[in-house]
Amino acid sequence: MAQFPPLVDSRVVRPSQTALALGLVTKLELLRLKTIARWYARALPPDVTWEDLLQEALTRILVGKRQVPEGVVAVAFVAGVMRSLRSEHWRRIERTLARGRRSGNSRSEVAYHRMELVDPAPGPERAVIAQQELAAIRHLFADDAVALTILHGLARGLTAEEIRVAAGLSDVDYASARKRIRRTLLREGLTCTPK
């Protein structure tokens, strides 16, 4: 007896996957957008992640709420949408705080300040993730001694000048090695900031 495919597709496709499939952005542009999203999400409350920001911006474009004007680069437009979303979040927080002050109820203000308090010590999961990322970075630059020297210097908190002097690098060699590092990390998607 013939098997019919199911009528409903139960797969969940993220907006970023849809944008890639439709050719709205390339893989490199998506990596750039992830980096920009991480930057914009830094000042947001912990319940709003960079992924939420990026996916919401792409969703608004895909459903037609925001349309990319002709001649505008997709990365710049999506970055503008994310900046707008960040502003919306802050306006919402400010309205909540103002409403709490007017009503004499400071619970919303206390709740907001509680959101900001985060234990800076990494938990076991974050420690393991950090070790895995460091191992991946070491593996990426295993053949590039200059890049590894620069990365170790940066990890120790040295300035560019201190790294150059210690490694015996010229300004040009140091700058080109930093560009190699940045391009490699962007290509591999390893430029995230801690959540």
Protein backbone atom coordinates (compact mmCIF):
# COMPACT_ATOMS: atom_id res chain seq x y z
CA MET A 1 0.00 0.00 0.00
CA ALA A 2 1.31 3.47 -0.88
CA GLN A 3 2.56 5.68 1.93
CA PHE A 4 1.44 9.29 1.81
CA PRO A 5 3.67 12.02 3.22
CA PRO A 6 2.31 13.78 6.29
CA LEU A 7 0.17 16.81 5.55
CA VAL A 8 1.83 18.92 8.20
CA ASP A 9 5.56 19.59 8.29
CA SER A 10 6.66 19.51 11.92
CA ARG A 11 10.13 20.98 11.33
CA VAL A 12 10.93 24.27 12.96
CA VAL A 13 12.83 26.59 10.65
CA ARG A 14 14.50 29.61 12.20
CA PRO A 15 14.21 32.98 10.46
CA SER A 16 17.97 33.01 9.84
CA GLN A 17 17.70 29.69 7.98
CA THR A 18 14.81 31.06 5.94
CA ALA A 19 16.75 34.23 5.11
CA LEU A 20 19.69 32.10 3.93
CA ALA A 21 17.43 29.86 1.86
CA LEU A 22 15.72 32.83 0.22
CA GLY A 23 19.05 34.49 -0.54
CA LEU A 24 18.31 37.58 1.56
CA VAL A 25 21.70 37.19 3.22
CA THR A 26 24.82 35.12 2.57
CA LYS A 27 26.58 32.99 5.18
CA LEU A 28 29.24 35.67 5.63
CA GLU A 29 26.59 38.37 6.03
CA LEU A 30 24.82 36.20 8.60
CA LEU A 31 28.10 35.89 10.56
CA ARG A 32 28.45 39.68 10.49
CA LEU A 33 24.86 40.06 11.66
CA LYS A 34 25.51 37.66 14.55
CA THR A 35 28.45 39.79 15.63
CA ILE A 36 26.37 42.96 15.41
CA ALA A 37 23.52 41.29 17.33
CA ARG A 38 25.95 40.31 20.10
CA TRP A 39 27.11 43.91 20.30
CA TYR A 40 23.57 45.33 20.50
CA ALA A 41 22.42 42.73 23.05
CA ARG A 42 25.20 43.58 25.52
CA ALA A 43 23.21 46.33 27.23
CA LEU A 44 19.87 44.53 27.18
CA PRO A 45 18.32 42.65 30.10
CA PRO A 46 19.47 39.03 30.47
CA ASP A 47 16.15 37.65 29.24
CA VAL A 48 16.78 39.15 25.76
CA THR A 49 19.62 37.31 24.04
CA TRP A 50 21.48 38.30 20.89
CA GLU A 51 19.81 35.38 19.09
CA ASP A 52 16.37 36.77 20.00
CA LEU A 53 17.37 40.16 18.64
CA LEU A 54 18.65 38.74 15.34
CA GLN A 55 15.76 36.34 14.82
CA GLU A 56 13.16 39.04 15.57
CA ALA A 57 14.80 41.45 13.10
CA LEU A 58 14.85 38.80 10.37
CA THR A 59 11.26 37.79 11.16
CA ARG A 60 10.07 41.37 10.71
CA ILE A 61 11.73 41.48 7.31
CA LEU A 62 10.41 38.06 6.25
CA VAL A 63 6.80 38.81 7.20
CA GLY A 64 6.91 42.21 5.52
CA LYS A 65 6.73 44.52 8.55
CA ARG A 66 10.07 45.98 7.45
CA GLN A 67 11.14 46.08 3.80
CA VAL A 68 14.70 46.46 2.59
CA PRO A 69 14.85 49.59 0.42
CA GLU A 70 16.40 49.18 -2.99
CA GLY A 71 20.11 49.92 -3.00
CA VAL A 72 20.55 49.38 0.76
CA VAL A 73 22.94 46.66 1.89
CA ALA A 74 21.09 43.89 3.76
CA VAL A 75 23.57 43.85 6.68
CA ALA A 76 23.17 47.58 7.28
CA PHE A 77 19.38 47.35 7.10
CA VAL A 78 19.10 44.37 9.47
CA ALA A 79 21.54 46.08 11.86
CA GLY A 80 19.23 49.11 11.83
CA VAL A 81 16.25 46.92 12.64
CA MET A 82 18.16 45.37 15.54
CA ARG A 83 19.11 48.83 16.82
CA SER A 84 15.44 49.77 16.65
CA LEU A 85 14.46 46.62 18.58
CA ARG A 86 17.04 47.43 21.25
CA SER A 87 15.54 50.90 21.61
CA GLU A 88 12.05 49.39 21.91
CA HIS A 89 13.22 47.19 24.77
CA TRP A 90 14.69 50.16 26.62
CA ARG A 91 11.57 52.29 26.08
CA ARG A 92 9.44 49.46 27.48
CA ILE A 93 11.68 49.20 30.55
CA GLU A 94 11.61 52.96 31.10
CA ARG A 95 7.78 53.00 30.85
CA THR A 96 7.55 50.20 33.39
CA LEU A 97 9.85 52.04 35.79
CA ALA A 98 7.96 55.33 35.32
CA ARG A 99 4.62 53.57 35.90
CA GLY A 100 6.01 52.03 39.11
CA ARG A 101 7.18 55.42 40.38
CA ARG A 102 3.83 57.10 39.62
CA SER A 103 1.87 54.42 41.43
CA GLY A 104 4.25 54.52 44.37
CA ASN A 105 5.01 50.88 43.81
CA SER A 106 8.75 50.31 43.64
CA ARG A 107 8.46 46.56 43.04
CA SER A 108 9.02 46.99 39.29
CA GLU A 109 12.17 48.99 39.99
CA VAL A 110 13.41 46.38 42.44
CA ALA A 111 12.62 43.61 39.95
CA TYR A 112 14.54 45.44 37.24
CA HIS A 113 17.58 45.90 39.46
CA ARG A 114 17.45 42.22 40.38
CA MET A 115 17.63 41.42 36.67
CA GLU A 116 20.91 43.28 36.41
CA LEU A 117 22.60 41.36 39.24
CA VAL A 118 24.40 38.44 37.68
CA ASP A 119 26.99 36.26 39.34
CA PRO A 120 30.23 37.03 37.46
CA ALA A 121 31.79 33.67 38.35
CA PRO A 122 31.40 31.17 35.53
CA GLY A 123 29.39 28.07 36.28
CA PRO A 124 30.60 24.59 35.36
CA GLU A 125 28.82 24.68 32.00
CA ARG A 126 30.37 28.03 31.02
CA ALA A 127 33.80 26.82 32.13
CA VAL A 128 33.53 23.75 29.89
CA ILE A 129 32.28 25.84 26.96
CA ALA A 130 35.18 28.28 27.44
CA GLN A 131 37.69 25.42 27.46
CA GLN A 132 36.17 24.00 24.26
CA GLU A 133 36.31 27.41 22.55
CA LEU A 134 39.92 27.93 23.59
CA ALA A 135 40.82 24.48 22.26
CA ALA A 136 39.07 25.32 18.97
CA ILE A 137 40.98 28.60 18.72
CA ARG A 138 44.31 26.87 19.44
CA HIS A 139 43.49 24.30 16.76
CA LEU A 140 42.60 27.03 14.23
CA PHE A 141 45.91 28.81 14.71
CA ALA A 142 48.13 25.77 15.30
CA ASP A 143 50.13 26.57 12.16
CA ASP A 144 50.37 30.33 12.83
CA ALA A 145 52.88 30.98 15.64
CA VAL A 146 52.55 34.77 15.30
CA ALA A 147 48.77 34.63 15.72
CA LEU A 148 49.09 32.36 18.77
CA THR A 149 51.64 34.73 20.32
CA ILE A 150 49.28 37.67 19.81
CA LEU A 151 46.32 35.74 21.22
CA HIS A 152 48.29 34.69 24.31
CA GLY A 153 49.40 38.29 24.83
CA LEU A 154 45.83 39.56 24.52
CA ALA A 155 44.64 36.87 26.96
CA ARG A 156 47.22 38.11 29.50
CA GLY A 157 45.96 41.67 29.06
CA LEU A 158 49.04 43.04 27.31
CA THR A 159 48.78 46.10 25.08
CA ALA A 160 49.52 45.95 21.36
CA GLU A 161 52.88 47.64 21.91
CA GLU A 162 53.88 45.16 24.64
CA ILE A 163 52.94 42.22 22.41
CA ARG A 164 54.87 43.67 19.46
CA VAL A 165 58.01 44.23 21.55
CA ALA A 166 57.83 40.79 23.20
CA ALA A 167 57.30 39.01 19.87
CA GLY A 168 59.68 41.23 17.90
CA LEU A 169 57.00 42.22 15.36
CA SER A 170 56.78 45.34 13.23
CA ASP A 171 53.62 47.43 13.12
CA VAL A 172 52.72 45.97 9.71
CA ASP A 173 53.30 42.36 10.79
CA TYR A 174 51.22 42.87 13.93
CA ALA A 175 48.35 44.53 12.01
CA SER A 176 48.28 41.84 9.31
CA ALA A 177 48.31 39.06 11.94
CA ARG A 178 45.39 40.73 13.77
CA LYS A 179 43.45 40.89 10.48
CA ARG A 180 44.14 37.18 9.89
CA ILE A 181 42.89 36.39 13.38
CA ARG A 182 39.75 38.47 12.98
CA ARG A 183 38.90 37.00 9.56
CA THR A 184 39.44 33.45 10.78
CA LEU A 185 37.32 33.95 13.91
CA LEU A 186 34.51 35.59 11.91
CA ARG A 187 34.59 32.79 9.37
CA GLU A 188 34.36 30.18 12.13
CA GLY A 189 31.74 32.07 14.15
CA LEU A 190 33.93 32.22 17.26
CA THR A 191 33.57 35.93 18.01
CA CYS A 192 30.76 35.67 20.56
CA THR A 193 30.80 37.54 23.83
CA PRO A 194 29.80 35.87 27.09
CA LYS A 195 26.08 35.93 27.83
